[in-house]
Amino acid sequence: MYGILKHLKEYEDCAWVIALYFGCYGLSFYPILAAQRYILDNQPLYAILLFLPHGIRILATWMLGARAIIPLLLGSWLCSVIFGHSSDSFLLWPALVSAVMPYISFKMMQLAGLPSFATTYNLVPNWRTLVLAGTVAAFLNAAACHLLFSSAFSFSESQYFILSFIIGDVLGMILLFIITMMTFRWYRSTQLRA
C-alpha cells in the first residue's frame, strides 16, 4: 500500500499544475477577456492582455524543471478542448510550444550563468529572475506560435499577433506573481499570529 501511495505522490505536482493552469485559463478567458472585449472592441481570442496561465508555466517550470512540460502540455491542450476554442488536433502544436518555451528560457539563463531552476537549497523565488525568464519565454512563445500560424495572417496582423502574445503573457505573468506574493505574505502573517 505504501508503494502505491508513494507512486501517486509523484504525480501530485502534475495534478496541481494542470488544475492551476485550468483555473487561470478560465479566469483569463471569461472575466478578463469579457472585460477586455467590452472596453476594446473586436479583439480576437488570441489577444488576451492578461494571460494568467503564463505565470503558471513559469512557476511550474522553475519548480519542476523538465517535469513541468507534460502537465503544462496536458493543461493547455485540455483547456483548448474543454473551453471549446477548437476540436482540431492542430491545437497540440501551440500547446507543445507553450509548454516547452519556459524550459528553454530557464536553460538559456542557466547557460548564461544566471540563477534558474529551484533546488532543494533555493526554494525562495527570486521574482526578478522569474520575470526575466517569463519575458524571454513570452518572446520565444510568440515567435514560435507566429511561425505555426504565419500563413493565417497578413504582415500587419502578424505584428499585432506577436505583440499581443508578448504583452498578454508578460502582464498576465506579473499579475499572477503579484497575487502569489500577496498570498504568501498573508499566509505568513496568519502563521505568525497563530
N, C-alpha and C. Protein backbone atom coordinates (compact mmCIF):
# COMPACT_ATOMS: atom_id res chain seq x y z
N MET A 1 0.82 -1.19 0.00
CA MET A 1 0.00 0.00 0.00
C MET A 1 0.87 1.26 0.00
N TYR A 2 1.94 1.25 0.81
CA TYR A 2 2.83 2.39 0.87
C TYR A 2 3.46 2.67 -0.49
N GLY A 3 3.81 1.61 -1.21
CA GLY A 3 4.40 1.77 -2.54
C GLY A 3 3.45 2.45 -3.51
N ILE A 4 2.17 2.13 -3.44
CA ILE A 4 1.17 2.76 -4.31
C ILE A 4 1.03 4.24 -3.96
N LEU A 5 0.93 4.54 -2.66
CA LEU A 5 0.80 5.94 -2.23
C LEU A 5 2.04 6.74 -2.60
N LYS A 6 3.21 6.14 -2.46
CA LYS A 6 4.45 6.82 -2.83
C LYS A 6 4.46 7.10 -4.33
N HIS A 7 4.00 6.16 -5.12
CA HIS A 7 3.96 6.34 -6.57
C HIS A 7 2.96 7.43 -6.96
N LEU A 8 1.80 7.46 -6.30
CA LEU A 8 0.81 8.50 -6.58
C LEU A 8 1.29 9.88 -6.16
N LYS A 9 2.09 9.95 -5.10
CA LYS A 9 2.64 11.22 -4.62
C LYS A 9 3.50 11.89 -5.69
N GLU A 10 4.15 11.09 -6.52
CA GLU A 10 4.98 11.64 -7.59
C GLU A 10 4.15 12.43 -8.60
N TYR A 11 2.88 12.07 -8.75
CA TYR A 11 2.02 12.73 -9.73
C TYR A 11 1.20 13.86 -9.14
N GLU A 12 1.35 14.11 -7.86
CA GLU A 12 0.59 15.18 -7.21
C GLU A 12 0.96 16.54 -7.81
N ASP A 13 2.25 16.77 -8.05
CA ASP A 13 2.69 18.02 -8.65
C ASP A 13 2.05 18.24 -10.01
N CYS A 14 1.97 17.18 -10.80
CA CYS A 14 1.36 17.27 -12.13
C CYS A 14 -0.10 17.66 -12.03
N ALA A 15 -0.81 17.07 -11.08
CA ALA A 15 -2.23 17.38 -10.90
C ALA A 15 -2.42 18.84 -10.49
N TRP A 16 -1.55 19.34 -9.61
CA TRP A 16 -1.64 20.73 -9.21
C TRP A 16 -1.38 21.68 -10.38
N VAL A 17 -0.38 21.37 -11.18
CA VAL A 17 -0.06 22.22 -12.34
C VAL A 17 -1.24 22.27 -13.30
N ILE A 18 -1.83 21.12 -13.60
CA ILE A 18 -2.97 21.08 -14.52
C ILE A 18 -4.15 21.84 -13.93
N ALA A 19 -4.44 21.65 -12.65
CA ALA A 19 -5.57 22.33 -12.02
C ALA A 19 -5.37 23.84 -11.98
N LEU A 20 -4.18 24.29 -11.61
CA LEU A 20 -3.91 25.73 -11.58
C LEU A 20 -3.94 26.34 -12.97
N TYR A 21 -3.39 25.63 -13.94
CA TYR A 21 -3.41 26.10 -15.32
C TYR A 21 -4.86 26.25 -15.79
N PHE A 22 -5.67 25.25 -15.50
CA PHE A 22 -7.08 25.26 -15.90
C PHE A 22 -7.82 26.44 -15.25
N GLY A 23 -7.59 26.65 -13.96
CA GLY A 23 -8.24 27.76 -13.27
C GLY A 23 -7.84 29.12 -13.82
N CYS A 24 -6.55 29.31 -14.05
CA CYS A 24 -6.07 30.58 -14.59
C CYS A 24 -6.54 30.79 -16.03
N TYR A 25 -6.62 29.71 -16.79
CA TYR A 25 -7.12 29.80 -18.16
C TYR A 25 -8.58 30.25 -18.16
N GLY A 26 -9.38 29.65 -17.27
CA GLY A 26 -10.78 30.04 -17.16
C GLY A 26 -10.94 31.50 -16.77
N LEU A 27 -10.11 31.96 -15.82
CA LEU A 27 -10.16 33.37 -15.42
C LEU A 27 -9.75 34.30 -16.57
N SER A 28 -8.76 33.87 -17.33
CA SER A 28 -8.28 34.70 -18.44
C SER A 28 -9.33 34.81 -19.55
N PHE A 29 -10.05 33.73 -19.79
CA PHE A 29 -10.98 33.75 -20.91
C PHE A 29 -12.35 34.30 -20.55
N TYR A 30 -12.79 34.12 -19.32
CA TYR A 30 -14.15 34.59 -19.04
C TYR A 30 -14.19 35.97 -18.43
N PRO A 31 -13.76 36.24 -17.23
CA PRO A 31 -13.89 37.62 -16.78
C PRO A 31 -12.92 38.59 -17.47
N ILE A 32 -11.66 38.18 -17.65
CA ILE A 32 -10.68 39.11 -18.20
C ILE A 32 -10.95 39.41 -19.67
N LEU A 33 -11.12 38.38 -20.50
CA LEU A 33 -11.38 38.62 -21.92
C LEU A 33 -12.73 39.31 -22.13
N ALA A 34 -13.73 38.97 -21.32
CA ALA A 34 -15.04 39.62 -21.45
C ALA A 34 -14.92 41.11 -21.15
N ALA A 35 -14.20 41.46 -20.09
CA ALA A 35 -14.00 42.88 -19.76
C ALA A 35 -13.17 43.58 -20.84
N GLN A 36 -12.16 42.89 -21.34
CA GLN A 36 -11.32 43.47 -22.39
C GLN A 36 -12.13 43.72 -23.66
N ARG A 37 -12.98 42.78 -24.03
CA ARG A 37 -13.81 42.97 -25.23
C ARG A 37 -14.86 44.05 -25.03
N TYR A 38 -15.27 44.26 -23.80
CA TYR A 38 -16.23 45.34 -23.51
C TYR A 38 -15.55 46.70 -23.70
N ILE A 39 -14.29 46.79 -23.24
CA ILE A 39 -13.55 48.06 -23.33
C ILE A 39 -12.98 48.27 -24.73
N LEU A 40 -12.36 47.24 -25.28
CA LEU A 40 -11.74 47.31 -26.60
C LEU A 40 -12.55 46.45 -27.56
N ASP A 41 -13.15 47.04 -28.55
CA ASP A 41 -14.00 46.30 -29.48
C ASP A 41 -13.19 45.41 -30.41
N ASN A 42 -13.83 44.33 -30.85
CA ASN A 42 -13.31 43.44 -31.90
C ASN A 42 -11.94 42.85 -31.61
N GLN A 43 -11.73 42.40 -30.40
CA GLN A 43 -10.47 41.75 -30.07
C GLN A 43 -10.55 40.26 -30.40
N PRO A 44 -9.58 39.74 -31.13
CA PRO A 44 -9.58 38.30 -31.39
C PRO A 44 -9.29 37.50 -30.12
N LEU A 45 -9.60 36.20 -30.15
CA LEU A 45 -9.42 35.34 -28.97
C LEU A 45 -7.97 35.27 -28.51
N TYR A 46 -7.02 35.36 -29.44
CA TYR A 46 -5.62 35.21 -29.05
C TYR A 46 -5.06 36.47 -28.41
N ALA A 47 -5.79 37.57 -28.43
CA ALA A 47 -5.27 38.86 -27.96
C ALA A 47 -5.71 39.15 -26.52
N ILE A 48 -5.45 38.26 -25.60
CA ILE A 48 -5.79 38.48 -24.20
C ILE A 48 -4.64 39.26 -23.57
N LEU A 49 -4.96 40.41 -23.00
CA LEU A 49 -3.91 41.28 -22.47
C LEU A 49 -3.46 40.90 -21.07
N LEU A 50 -4.13 39.95 -20.43
CA LEU A 50 -3.71 39.41 -19.13
C LEU A 50 -3.88 37.89 -19.16
N PHE A 51 -2.90 37.20 -19.72
CA PHE A 51 -2.99 35.75 -19.84
C PHE A 51 -2.29 35.12 -18.64
N LEU A 52 -3.06 34.82 -17.60
CA LEU A 52 -2.54 34.31 -16.33
C LEU A 52 -1.81 32.97 -16.42
N PRO A 53 -2.22 32.04 -17.31
CA PRO A 53 -1.51 30.75 -17.35
C PRO A 53 -0.02 30.84 -17.65
N HIS A 54 0.42 31.94 -18.24
CA HIS A 54 1.86 32.06 -18.49
C HIS A 54 2.63 32.09 -17.16
N GLY A 55 2.05 32.71 -16.15
CA GLY A 55 2.67 32.71 -14.83
C GLY A 55 2.76 31.30 -14.26
N ILE A 56 1.72 30.49 -14.50
CA ILE A 56 1.75 29.09 -14.06
C ILE A 56 2.85 28.34 -14.79
N ARG A 57 2.99 28.59 -16.09
CA ARG A 57 4.07 27.94 -16.86
C ARG A 57 5.43 28.23 -16.25
N ILE A 58 5.65 29.50 -15.89
CA ILE A 58 6.96 29.91 -15.37
C ILE A 58 7.19 29.33 -13.98
N LEU A 59 6.20 29.44 -13.09
CA LEU A 59 6.38 28.90 -11.74
C LEU A 59 6.54 27.38 -11.76
N ALA A 60 5.74 26.70 -12.58
CA ALA A 60 5.84 25.24 -12.66
C ALA A 60 7.19 24.81 -13.20
N THR A 61 7.67 25.49 -14.22
CA THR A 61 8.97 25.14 -14.80
C THR A 61 10.10 25.46 -13.84
N TRP A 62 9.99 26.57 -13.12
CA TRP A 62 11.01 26.92 -12.13
C TRP A 62 11.08 25.84 -11.05
N MET A 63 9.93 25.36 -10.59
CA MET A 63 9.92 24.37 -9.50
C MET A 63 10.21 22.95 -9.97
N LEU A 64 9.68 22.56 -11.14
CA LEU A 64 9.76 21.17 -11.57
C LEU A 64 10.76 20.90 -12.68
N GLY A 65 11.23 21.95 -13.34
CA GLY A 65 12.16 21.76 -14.46
C GLY A 65 11.46 21.08 -15.63
N ALA A 66 12.12 20.12 -16.24
CA ALA A 66 11.58 19.43 -17.41
C ALA A 66 10.32 18.63 -17.08
N ARG A 67 10.15 18.25 -15.80
CA ARG A 67 8.95 17.50 -15.42
C ARG A 67 7.67 18.33 -15.57
N ALA A 68 7.79 19.64 -15.73
CA ALA A 68 6.61 20.51 -15.89
C ALA A 68 6.06 20.47 -17.31
N ILE A 69 6.83 20.00 -18.26
CA ILE A 69 6.40 20.07 -19.67
C ILE A 69 5.13 19.25 -19.90
N ILE A 70 5.08 18.02 -19.45
CA ILE A 70 3.91 17.16 -19.70
C ILE A 70 2.64 17.73 -19.05
N PRO A 71 2.66 18.12 -17.75
CA PRO A 71 1.43 18.67 -17.19
C PRO A 71 1.02 19.99 -17.84
N LEU A 72 1.99 20.81 -18.24
CA LEU A 72 1.65 22.06 -18.94
C LEU A 72 1.04 21.75 -20.31
N LEU A 73 1.59 20.77 -20.99
CA LEU A 73 1.05 20.36 -22.28
C LEU A 73 -0.38 19.86 -22.12
N LEU A 74 -0.59 18.99 -21.15
CA LEU A 74 -1.94 18.46 -20.90
C LEU A 74 -2.90 19.56 -20.49
N GLY A 75 -2.46 20.45 -19.62
CA GLY A 75 -3.32 21.54 -19.17
C GLY A 75 -3.72 22.46 -20.32
N SER A 76 -2.77 22.82 -21.14
CA SER A 76 -3.04 23.71 -22.28
C SER A 76 -3.96 23.04 -23.29
N TRP A 77 -3.68 21.80 -23.60
CA TRP A 77 -4.50 21.09 -24.58
C TRP A 77 -5.91 20.87 -24.05
N LEU A 78 -6.03 20.45 -22.79
CA LEU A 78 -7.36 20.23 -22.19
C LEU A 78 -8.18 21.52 -22.14
N CYS A 79 -7.53 22.62 -21.81
CA CYS A 79 -8.25 23.90 -21.78
C CYS A 79 -8.77 24.27 -23.16
N SER A 80 -7.97 24.05 -24.18
CA SER A 80 -8.41 24.35 -25.54
C SER A 80 -9.60 23.50 -25.94
N VAL A 81 -9.58 22.25 -25.56
CA VAL A 81 -10.69 21.35 -25.90
C VAL A 81 -11.92 21.65 -25.04
N ILE A 82 -11.74 21.79 -23.73
CA ILE A 82 -12.88 21.98 -22.82
C ILE A 82 -13.53 23.34 -23.01
N PHE A 83 -12.74 24.38 -23.19
CA PHE A 83 -13.32 25.71 -23.36
C PHE A 83 -13.82 25.93 -24.78
N GLY A 84 -13.66 24.93 -25.63
CA GLY A 84 -14.29 24.94 -26.94
C GLY A 84 -13.68 25.87 -27.97
N HIS A 85 -12.39 26.12 -27.89
CA HIS A 85 -11.78 27.00 -28.88
C HIS A 85 -11.55 26.30 -30.21
N SER A 86 -11.49 24.99 -30.15
CA SER A 86 -11.42 24.19 -31.37
C SER A 86 -11.34 22.73 -30.98
N SER A 87 -11.81 21.89 -31.86
CA SER A 87 -11.67 20.45 -31.62
C SER A 87 -10.58 19.88 -32.53
N ASP A 88 -9.87 20.74 -33.18
CA ASP A 88 -8.83 20.34 -34.12
C ASP A 88 -7.61 19.83 -33.37
N SER A 89 -7.03 18.75 -33.85
CA SER A 89 -5.82 18.21 -33.22
C SER A 89 -4.63 19.13 -33.45
N PHE A 90 -4.77 20.11 -34.36
CA PHE A 90 -3.70 21.06 -34.61
C PHE A 90 -3.37 21.86 -33.34
N LEU A 91 -4.30 21.93 -32.39
CA LEU A 91 -4.04 22.66 -31.15
C LEU A 91 -2.94 22.03 -30.32
N LEU A 92 -2.57 20.81 -30.63
CA LEU A 92 -1.49 20.17 -29.90
C LEU A 92 -0.16 20.91 -30.11
N TRP A 93 0.07 21.45 -31.31
CA TRP A 93 1.34 22.12 -31.59
C TRP A 93 1.51 23.40 -30.78
N PRO A 94 0.52 24.32 -30.74
CA PRO A 94 0.71 25.50 -29.89
C PRO A 94 0.83 25.14 -28.41
N ALA A 95 0.10 24.10 -27.99
CA ALA A 95 0.20 23.66 -26.59
C ALA A 95 1.62 23.16 -26.30
N LEU A 96 2.18 22.42 -27.23
CA LEU A 96 3.54 21.90 -27.06
C LEU A 96 4.55 23.05 -27.02
N VAL A 97 4.41 24.00 -27.92
CA VAL A 97 5.31 25.16 -27.95
C VAL A 97 5.24 25.91 -26.63
N SER A 98 4.02 26.19 -26.16
CA SER A 98 3.84 26.94 -24.92
C SER A 98 4.35 26.19 -23.70
N ALA A 99 4.34 24.88 -23.73
CA ALA A 99 4.83 24.08 -22.61
C ALA A 99 6.35 23.99 -22.59
N VAL A 100 6.98 24.03 -23.76
CA VAL A 100 8.43 23.84 -23.86
C VAL A 100 9.20 25.16 -23.72
N MET A 101 8.64 26.27 -24.17
CA MET A 101 9.39 27.54 -24.18
C MET A 101 9.86 28.00 -22.80
N PRO A 102 9.07 27.86 -21.73
CA PRO A 102 9.63 28.25 -20.42
C PRO A 102 10.86 27.43 -20.04
N TYR A 103 10.86 26.15 -20.35
CA TYR A 103 12.02 25.31 -20.05
C TYR A 103 13.24 25.79 -20.83
N ILE A 104 13.05 26.09 -22.10
CA ILE A 104 14.15 26.61 -22.93
C ILE A 104 14.66 27.93 -22.37
N SER A 105 13.74 28.77 -21.92
CA SER A 105 14.12 30.05 -21.33
C SER A 105 14.99 29.87 -20.09
N PHE A 106 14.58 28.97 -19.20
CA PHE A 106 15.37 28.71 -17.99
C PHE A 106 16.72 28.08 -18.34
N LYS A 107 16.76 27.21 -19.34
CA LYS A 107 18.03 26.61 -19.75
C LYS A 107 18.97 27.68 -20.32
N MET A 108 18.41 28.64 -21.07
CA MET A 108 19.22 29.74 -21.60
C MET A 108 19.82 30.55 -20.45
N MET A 109 19.01 30.80 -19.42
CA MET A 109 19.52 31.54 -18.26
C MET A 109 20.60 30.75 -17.53
N GLN A 110 20.40 29.45 -17.44
CA GLN A 110 21.38 28.59 -16.79
C GLN A 110 22.71 28.62 -17.55
N LEU A 111 22.63 28.56 -18.88
CA LEU A 111 23.84 28.62 -19.71
C LEU A 111 24.54 29.97 -19.59
N ALA A 112 23.76 31.03 -19.33
CA ALA A 112 24.34 32.36 -19.17
C ALA A 112 24.90 32.57 -17.76
N GLY A 113 24.76 31.57 -16.89
CA GLY A 113 25.29 31.68 -15.55
C GLY A 113 24.35 32.37 -14.57
N LEU A 114 23.12 32.59 -14.95
CA LEU A 114 22.13 33.22 -14.07
C LEU A 114 21.40 32.15 -13.26
N PRO A 115 20.87 32.53 -12.10
CA PRO A 115 20.09 31.55 -11.34
C PRO A 115 18.87 31.13 -12.15
N SER A 116 18.58 29.84 -12.13
CA SER A 116 17.47 29.38 -12.97
C SER A 116 16.49 28.54 -12.17
N PHE A 117 16.60 27.25 -12.21
CA PHE A 117 15.61 26.36 -11.60
C PHE A 117 15.73 26.35 -10.07
N ALA A 118 14.62 26.02 -9.42
CA ALA A 118 14.62 25.86 -7.97
C ALA A 118 15.40 24.60 -7.61
N THR A 119 16.08 24.65 -6.50
CA THR A 119 16.78 23.48 -5.97
C THR A 119 16.34 23.28 -4.53
N THR A 120 16.76 22.20 -3.93
CA THR A 120 16.41 21.97 -2.53
C THR A 120 17.03 23.03 -1.63
N TYR A 121 18.09 23.68 -2.09
CA TYR A 121 18.74 24.74 -1.32
C TYR A 121 18.22 26.12 -1.68
N ASN A 122 17.45 26.21 -2.75
CA ASN A 122 16.98 27.51 -3.24
C ASN A 122 15.50 27.42 -3.58
N LEU A 123 14.65 27.40 -2.55
CA LEU A 123 13.21 27.31 -2.79
C LEU A 123 12.49 28.66 -2.64
N VAL A 124 13.24 29.71 -2.32
CA VAL A 124 12.64 31.04 -2.24
C VAL A 124 12.73 31.67 -3.63
N PRO A 125 11.58 32.03 -4.20
CA PRO A 125 11.62 32.57 -5.56
C PRO A 125 12.31 33.93 -5.64
N ASN A 126 13.17 34.09 -6.62
CA ASN A 126 13.74 35.39 -6.95
C ASN A 126 12.85 35.94 -8.05
N TRP A 127 11.97 36.87 -7.69
CA TRP A 127 10.94 37.33 -8.61
C TRP A 127 11.52 38.00 -9.85
N ARG A 128 12.64 38.68 -9.70
CA ARG A 128 13.26 39.33 -10.87
C ARG A 128 13.72 38.28 -11.88
N THR A 129 14.32 37.22 -11.36
CA THR A 129 14.77 36.14 -12.23
C THR A 129 13.58 35.48 -12.93
N LEU A 130 12.50 35.27 -12.17
CA LEU A 130 11.31 34.65 -12.76
C LEU A 130 10.68 35.55 -13.82
N VAL A 131 10.66 36.86 -13.57
CA VAL A 131 10.11 37.79 -14.58
C VAL A 131 10.99 37.79 -15.82
N LEU A 132 12.31 37.76 -15.64
CA LEU A 132 13.22 37.70 -16.80
C LEU A 132 12.98 36.42 -17.59
N ALA A 133 12.91 35.29 -16.91
CA ALA A 133 12.67 34.02 -17.60
C ALA A 133 11.31 34.04 -18.29
N GLY A 134 10.30 34.59 -17.64
CA GLY A 134 8.97 34.66 -18.23
C GLY A 134 8.91 35.57 -19.45
N THR A 135 9.65 36.67 -19.40
CA THR A 135 9.69 37.58 -20.55
C THR A 135 10.39 36.93 -21.73
N VAL A 136 11.50 36.28 -21.48
CA VAL A 136 12.19 35.56 -22.56
C VAL A 136 11.28 34.47 -23.13
N ALA A 137 10.62 33.73 -22.25
CA ALA A 137 9.70 32.69 -22.71
C ALA A 137 8.55 33.27 -23.51
N ALA A 138 8.06 34.45 -23.14
CA ALA A 138 6.97 35.10 -23.88
C ALA A 138 7.42 35.45 -25.30
N PHE A 139 8.64 35.97 -25.43
CA PHE A 139 9.17 36.28 -26.77
C PHE A 139 9.33 35.01 -27.60
N LEU A 140 9.90 33.98 -26.98
CA LEU A 140 10.07 32.71 -27.70
C LEU A 140 8.73 32.10 -28.09
N ASN A 141 7.77 32.14 -27.18
CA ASN A 141 6.44 31.60 -27.43
C ASN A 141 5.75 32.35 -28.57
N ALA A 142 5.84 33.67 -28.54
CA ALA A 142 5.21 34.48 -29.59
C ALA A 142 5.84 34.18 -30.96
N ALA A 143 7.15 34.10 -30.99
CA ALA A 143 7.84 33.82 -32.26
C ALA A 143 7.48 32.43 -32.79
N ALA A 144 7.49 31.44 -31.91
CA ALA A 144 7.19 30.07 -32.35
C ALA A 144 5.73 29.93 -32.78
N CYS A 145 4.81 30.51 -32.02
CA CYS A 145 3.39 30.44 -32.41
C CYS A 145 3.14 31.21 -33.69
N HIS A 146 3.86 32.30 -33.88
CA HIS A 146 3.72 33.03 -35.14
C HIS A 146 4.15 32.17 -36.32
N LEU A 147 5.24 31.44 -36.16
CA LEU A 147 5.67 30.54 -37.23
C LEU A 147 4.61 29.48 -37.52
N LEU A 148 3.95 28.99 -36.47
CA LEU A 148 2.90 27.98 -36.67
C LEU A 148 1.71 28.54 -37.43
N PHE A 149 1.37 29.79 -37.14
CA PHE A 149 0.16 30.39 -37.72
C PHE A 149 0.45 31.45 -38.77
N SER A 150 1.68 31.57 -39.22
CA SER A 150 2.06 32.69 -40.10
C SER A 150 1.26 32.75 -41.39
N SER A 151 0.79 31.63 -41.91
CA SER A 151 0.04 31.66 -43.16
C SER A 151 -1.37 32.24 -42.97
N ALA A 152 -1.83 32.35 -41.74
CA ALA A 152 -3.18 32.83 -41.48
C ALA A 152 -3.26 34.35 -41.32
N PHE A 153 -2.12 35.04 -41.31
CA PHE A 153 -2.12 36.47 -41.04
C PHE A 153 -1.39 37.25 -42.12
N SER A 154 -1.87 38.49 -42.33
CA SER A 154 -1.13 39.42 -43.18
C SER A 154 0.02 39.99 -42.35
N PHE A 155 0.85 40.84 -42.97
CA PHE A 155 2.01 41.38 -42.27
C PHE A 155 1.58 42.22 -41.07
N SER A 156 0.60 43.11 -41.24
CA SER A 156 0.16 43.96 -40.12
C SER A 156 -0.51 43.13 -39.03
N GLU A 157 -1.26 42.10 -39.42
CA GLU A 157 -1.87 41.21 -38.43
C GLU A 157 -0.80 40.42 -37.69
N SER A 158 0.27 40.08 -38.38
CA SER A 158 1.36 39.33 -37.75
C SER A 158 2.01 40.14 -36.64
N GLN A 159 2.22 41.43 -36.89
CA GLN A 159 2.81 42.29 -35.86
C GLN A 159 1.88 42.37 -34.65
N TYR A 160 0.58 42.50 -34.88
CA TYR A 160 -0.40 42.57 -33.80
C TYR A 160 -0.43 41.24 -33.04
N PHE A 161 -0.35 40.13 -33.75
CA PHE A 161 -0.35 38.80 -33.14
C PHE A 161 0.83 38.66 -32.18
N ILE A 162 2.03 38.97 -32.66
CA ILE A 162 3.24 38.83 -31.85
C ILE A 162 3.18 39.76 -30.64
N LEU A 163 2.83 41.01 -30.87
CA LEU A 163 2.78 41.99 -29.78
C LEU A 163 1.73 41.61 -28.74
N SER A 164 0.57 41.17 -29.16
CA SER A 164 -0.48 40.80 -28.20
C SER A 164 -0.08 39.55 -27.41
N PHE A 165 0.61 38.61 -28.03
CA PHE A 165 1.10 37.43 -27.31
C PHE A 165 2.09 37.84 -26.22
N ILE A 166 3.05 38.68 -26.58
CA ILE A 166 4.08 39.09 -25.63
C ILE A 166 3.46 39.89 -24.49
N ILE A 167 2.64 40.89 -24.81
CA ILE A 167 2.02 41.72 -23.77
C ILE A 167 1.12 40.88 -22.87
N GLY A 168 0.30 40.03 -23.45
CA GLY A 168 -0.60 39.20 -22.66
C GLY A 168 0.13 38.25 -21.73
N ASP A 169 1.18 37.62 -22.24
CA ASP A 169 1.95 36.69 -21.42
C ASP A 169 2.67 37.42 -20.28
N VAL A 170 3.33 38.52 -20.60
CA VAL A 170 4.13 39.22 -19.59
C VAL A 170 3.23 39.87 -18.53
N LEU A 171 2.18 40.58 -18.95
CA LEU A 171 1.29 41.23 -17.98
C LEU A 171 0.53 40.20 -17.14
N GLY A 172 0.09 39.12 -17.77
CA GLY A 172 -0.59 38.06 -17.02
C GLY A 172 0.32 37.41 -16.01
N MET A 173 1.57 37.17 -16.41
CA MET A 173 2.56 36.58 -15.50
C MET A 173 2.81 37.51 -14.32
N ILE A 174 3.01 38.80 -14.58
CA ILE A 174 3.28 39.75 -13.50
C ILE A 174 2.09 39.83 -12.54
N LEU A 175 0.88 39.86 -13.07
CA LEU A 175 -0.31 39.89 -12.20
C LEU A 175 -0.38 38.63 -11.35
N LEU A 176 -0.13 37.47 -11.93
CA LEU A 176 -0.15 36.23 -11.17
C LEU A 176 0.94 36.23 -10.10
N PHE A 177 2.13 36.76 -10.41
CA PHE A 177 3.21 36.83 -9.43
C PHE A 177 2.82 37.75 -8.27
N ILE A 178 2.18 38.88 -8.57
CA ILE A 178 1.74 39.80 -7.51
C ILE A 178 0.72 39.11 -6.62
N ILE A 179 -0.23 38.42 -7.21
CA ILE A 179 -1.23 37.68 -6.44
C ILE A 179 -0.55 36.61 -5.58
N THR A 180 0.42 35.91 -6.15
CA THR A 180 1.15 34.87 -5.42
C THR A 180 1.93 35.47 -4.25
N MET A 181 2.65 36.59 -4.48
CA MET A 181 3.40 37.23 -3.41
C MET A 181 2.48 37.68 -2.28
N MET A 182 1.36 38.29 -2.64
CA MET A 182 0.42 38.76 -1.62
C MET A 182 -0.18 37.59 -0.83
N THR A 183 -0.43 36.49 -1.52
CA THR A 183 -0.95 35.30 -0.84
C THR A 183 0.08 34.76 0.13
N PHE A 184 1.35 34.68 -0.27
CA PHE A 184 2.41 34.22 0.64
C PHE A 184 2.54 35.13 1.85
N ARG A 185 2.49 36.44 1.62
CA ARG A 185 2.60 37.39 2.74
C ARG A 185 1.43 37.23 3.70
N TRP A 186 0.23 37.10 3.17
CA TRP A 186 -0.94 36.91 4.01
C TRP A 186 -0.80 35.62 4.82
N TYR A 187 -0.36 34.55 4.18
CA TYR A 187 -0.20 33.26 4.86
C TYR A 187 0.83 33.37 5.99
N ARG A 188 1.96 34.01 5.70
CA ARG A 188 3.00 34.16 6.74
C ARG A 188 2.50 35.00 7.90
N SER A 189 1.73 36.05 7.60
CA SER A 189 1.22 36.89 8.70
C SER A 189 0.22 36.14 9.56
N THR A 190 -0.59 35.27 8.96
CA THR A 190 -1.52 34.48 9.77
C THR A 190 -0.78 33.42 10.58
N GLN A 191 0.34 32.92 10.07
CA GLN A 191 1.12 31.92 10.81
C GLN A 191 1.82 32.56 12.00
N LEU A 192 2.24 33.82 11.87
CA LEU A 192 2.92 34.50 12.96
C LEU A 192 1.95 34.80 14.11
N ARG A 193 0.68 35.07 13.78
CA ARG A 193 -0.32 35.35 14.81
C ARG A 193 -0.80 34.10 15.50
N ALA A 194 -0.63 32.95 14.86
CA ALA A 194 -1.15 31.71 15.43
C ALA A 194 -0.26 31.14 16.52
